[in-house]
Amino acid sequence: MPRYEYRCRACGDTFEMNRPMAEASAPASCPSGHDDTVKLLSTVAVTGRGGPAAAPAAGGGGGCCGGGCGC
């Protein structure tokens, strides 16, 4: 279930709520009971186990078609 971050305009508190995506735009009250809140834009960081990067295929430099045209 996604976690959304909100800020209360009345008291300035920032809080998070877990709710279904279908309720993402529904109003949220702050823990102090104020209804004047705004949903914040959150950033997501995805990390993984680091390892050696795969070597590109021979002759495949990317380009406009993934290296097939030799550009």
N, C-alpha and C. Protein backbone atom coordinates (compact mmCIF):
# COMPACT_ATOMS: atom_id res chain seq x y z
N MET A 1 0.85 -1.17 0.00
CA MET A 1 0.00 0.00 0.00
C MET A 1 0.91 1.24 0.00
N PRO A 2 0.63 2.21 -0.86
CA PRO A 2 1.47 3.40 -0.94
C PRO A 2 1.39 4.26 0.32
N ARG A 3 2.46 4.95 0.58
CA ARG A 3 2.53 5.88 1.72
C ARG A 3 2.58 7.29 1.14
N TYR A 4 1.68 8.15 1.61
CA TYR A 4 1.61 9.53 1.15
C TYR A 4 2.01 10.46 2.28
N GLU A 5 2.66 11.54 1.93
CA GLU A 5 3.13 12.51 2.91
C GLU A 5 2.29 13.78 2.78
N TYR A 6 1.89 14.32 3.91
CA TYR A 6 1.04 15.50 3.97
C TYR A 6 1.64 16.54 4.90
N ARG A 7 1.23 17.79 4.71
CA ARG A 7 1.60 18.87 5.64
C ARG A 7 0.32 19.60 6.02
N CYS A 8 0.18 19.85 7.32
CA CYS A 8 -0.97 20.57 7.84
C CYS A 8 -0.71 22.07 7.73
N ARG A 9 -1.62 22.78 7.10
CA ARG A 9 -1.47 24.23 6.96
C ARG A 9 -1.77 24.96 8.26
N ALA A 10 -2.56 24.35 9.13
CA ALA A 10 -2.94 24.99 10.38
C ALA A 10 -1.81 24.95 11.42
N CYS A 11 -1.19 23.77 11.60
CA CYS A 11 -0.17 23.65 12.64
C CYS A 11 1.24 23.43 12.10
N GLY A 12 1.37 23.15 10.78
CA GLY A 12 2.69 22.98 10.18
C GLY A 12 3.28 21.59 10.30
N ASP A 13 2.58 20.67 10.96
CA ASP A 13 3.09 19.31 11.10
C ASP A 13 3.12 18.60 9.75
N THR A 14 4.12 17.75 9.58
CA THR A 14 4.21 16.87 8.42
C THR A 14 3.95 15.45 8.90
N PHE A 15 3.10 14.73 8.18
CA PHE A 15 2.75 13.37 8.60
C PHE A 15 2.56 12.50 7.37
N GLU A 16 2.57 11.19 7.58
CA GLU A 16 2.42 10.22 6.51
C GLU A 16 1.19 9.37 6.76
N MET A 17 0.59 8.92 5.66
CA MET A 17 -0.56 8.01 5.75
C MET A 17 -0.40 6.91 4.72
N ASN A 18 -0.70 5.67 5.12
CA ASN A 18 -0.78 4.56 4.18
C ASN A 18 -2.23 4.47 3.74
N ARG A 19 -2.44 4.50 2.43
CA ARG A 19 -3.79 4.38 1.90
C ARG A 19 -3.74 3.85 0.49
N PRO A 20 -4.83 3.22 0.03
CA PRO A 20 -4.85 2.69 -1.33
C PRO A 20 -4.72 3.82 -2.36
N MET A 21 -4.21 3.48 -3.53
CA MET A 21 -4.04 4.48 -4.59
C MET A 21 -5.39 5.09 -4.98
N ALA A 22 -6.46 4.34 -4.86
CA ALA A 22 -7.78 4.85 -5.19
C ALA A 22 -8.20 5.99 -4.28
N GLU A 23 -7.57 6.09 -3.10
CA GLU A 23 -7.88 7.15 -2.14
C GLU A 23 -6.78 8.21 -2.07
N ALA A 24 -5.90 8.23 -3.05
CA ALA A 24 -4.75 9.15 -3.03
C ALA A 24 -5.17 10.61 -2.97
N SER A 25 -6.27 10.97 -3.62
CA SER A 25 -6.67 12.37 -3.65
C SER A 25 -7.73 12.70 -2.60
N ALA A 26 -8.09 11.74 -1.77
CA ALA A 26 -9.07 11.99 -0.71
C ALA A 26 -8.48 12.90 0.36
N PRO A 27 -9.30 13.74 1.00
CA PRO A 27 -8.80 14.62 2.06
C PRO A 27 -8.20 13.81 3.21
N ALA A 28 -7.23 14.41 3.89
CA ALA A 28 -6.58 13.77 5.03
C ALA A 28 -6.52 14.75 6.18
N SER A 29 -6.91 14.33 7.36
CA SER A 29 -6.81 15.16 8.55
C SER A 29 -5.47 14.90 9.22
N CYS A 30 -4.87 15.95 9.79
CA CYS A 30 -3.61 15.77 10.50
C CYS A 30 -3.87 15.08 11.84
N PRO A 31 -2.83 14.53 12.47
CA PRO A 31 -3.01 13.85 13.76
C PRO A 31 -3.62 14.74 14.84
N SER A 32 -3.49 16.06 14.69
CA SER A 32 -4.08 16.98 15.68
C SER A 32 -5.53 17.29 15.37
N GLY A 33 -6.05 16.76 14.24
CA GLY A 33 -7.46 16.93 13.92
C GLY A 33 -7.78 18.03 12.94
N HIS A 34 -6.76 18.74 12.43
CA HIS A 34 -7.01 19.81 11.45
C HIS A 34 -7.29 19.21 10.08
N ASP A 35 -8.20 19.85 9.35
CA ASP A 35 -8.58 19.36 8.03
C ASP A 35 -7.88 20.08 6.89
N ASP A 36 -7.19 21.19 7.15
CA ASP A 36 -6.55 21.98 6.11
C ASP A 36 -5.14 21.42 5.84
N THR A 37 -5.08 20.36 5.02
CA THR A 37 -3.80 19.71 4.74
C THR A 37 -3.55 19.70 3.24
N VAL A 38 -2.30 19.52 2.88
CA VAL A 38 -1.90 19.44 1.48
C VAL A 38 -0.98 18.23 1.32
N LYS A 39 -1.20 17.49 0.22
CA LYS A 39 -0.35 16.33 -0.07
C LYS A 39 0.95 16.82 -0.66
N LEU A 40 2.07 16.31 -0.16
CA LEU A 40 3.39 16.71 -0.61
C LEU A 40 3.86 15.80 -1.73
N LEU A 41 4.71 16.34 -2.57
CA LEU A 41 5.33 15.54 -3.62
C LEU A 41 6.51 14.82 -3.01
N SER A 42 6.45 13.52 -3.01
CA SER A 42 7.51 12.71 -2.41
C SER A 42 8.42 12.16 -3.50
N THR A 43 9.67 11.98 -3.15
CA THR A 43 10.61 11.36 -4.07
C THR A 43 10.87 9.94 -3.60
N VAL A 44 11.17 9.08 -4.51
CA VAL A 44 11.42 7.69 -4.20
C VAL A 44 12.85 7.35 -4.59
N ALA A 45 13.56 6.73 -3.69
CA ALA A 45 14.92 6.29 -3.99
C ALA A 45 14.91 4.77 -4.02
N VAL A 46 15.38 4.22 -5.10
CA VAL A 46 15.46 2.76 -5.23
C VAL A 46 16.93 2.39 -5.21
N THR A 47 17.27 1.54 -4.29
CA THR A 47 18.66 1.09 -4.19
C THR A 47 18.69 -0.42 -4.34
N GLY A 48 19.81 -0.90 -4.73
CA GLY A 48 19.96 -2.34 -4.89
C GLY A 48 21.37 -2.73 -4.53
N ARG A 49 21.64 -3.97 -4.70
CA ARG A 49 22.98 -4.46 -4.43
C ARG A 49 23.87 -4.08 -5.59
N GLY A 50 24.93 -3.42 -5.29
CA GLY A 50 25.87 -3.00 -6.33
C GLY A 50 26.70 -4.17 -6.82
N GLY A 51 27.00 -4.13 -8.05
CA GLY A 51 27.82 -5.16 -8.64
C GLY A 51 28.39 -4.63 -9.93
N PRO A 52 29.22 -5.40 -10.58
CA PRO A 52 29.78 -4.91 -11.83
C PRO A 52 28.69 -4.75 -12.88
N ALA A 53 28.78 -3.69 -13.63
CA ALA A 53 27.81 -3.43 -14.69
C ALA A 53 28.09 -4.37 -15.86
N ALA A 54 27.03 -4.74 -16.54
CA ALA A 54 27.18 -5.60 -17.71
C ALA A 54 27.84 -4.82 -18.84
N ALA A 55 28.72 -5.48 -19.55
CA ALA A 55 29.40 -4.83 -20.68
C ALA A 55 28.44 -4.74 -21.85
N PRO A 56 28.48 -3.63 -22.60
CA PRO A 56 27.61 -3.52 -23.77
C PRO A 56 27.99 -4.55 -24.83
N ALA A 57 27.02 -4.93 -25.62
CA ALA A 57 27.26 -5.89 -26.70
C ALA A 57 28.21 -5.29 -27.72
N ALA A 58 29.02 -6.14 -28.34
CA ALA A 58 29.99 -5.66 -29.33
C ALA A 58 29.27 -4.98 -30.48
N GLY A 59 29.70 -3.77 -30.82
CA GLY A 59 29.13 -3.02 -31.92
C GLY A 59 27.82 -2.32 -31.57
N GLY A 60 27.29 -2.58 -30.41
CA GLY A 60 26.03 -1.94 -30.02
C GLY A 60 26.28 -0.67 -29.25
N GLY A 61 26.32 0.44 -29.94
CA GLY A 61 26.59 1.71 -29.28
C GLY A 61 25.35 2.47 -28.88
N GLY A 62 24.20 1.88 -29.04
CA GLY A 62 22.97 2.59 -28.68
C GLY A 62 22.43 3.31 -29.88
N GLY A 63 22.65 4.61 -29.97
CA GLY A 63 22.20 5.39 -31.11
C GLY A 63 20.70 5.41 -31.23
N CYS A 64 20.22 5.65 -32.44
CA CYS A 64 18.79 5.83 -32.65
C CYS A 64 18.01 4.52 -32.63
N CYS A 65 18.67 3.41 -32.90
CA CYS A 65 17.93 2.14 -32.97
C CYS A 65 18.58 1.05 -32.14
N GLY A 66 19.29 1.43 -31.12
CA GLY A 66 19.91 0.44 -30.25
C GLY A 66 21.19 -0.16 -30.82
N GLY A 67 21.77 0.47 -31.81
CA GLY A 67 23.03 0.01 -32.36
C GLY A 67 22.90 -0.78 -33.64
N GLY A 68 21.68 -1.02 -34.11
CA GLY A 68 21.49 -1.83 -35.29
C GLY A 68 21.87 -1.15 -36.59
N CYS A 69 21.86 0.18 -36.63
CA CYS A 69 22.14 0.88 -37.88
C CYS A 69 23.59 1.37 -37.94
N GLY A 70 24.34 1.23 -36.87
CA GLY A 70 25.75 1.64 -36.87
C GLY A 70 25.97 3.14 -36.72
N CYS A 71 24.97 3.86 -36.28
CA CYS A 71 25.13 5.31 -36.13
C CYS A 71 25.94 5.70 -34.91
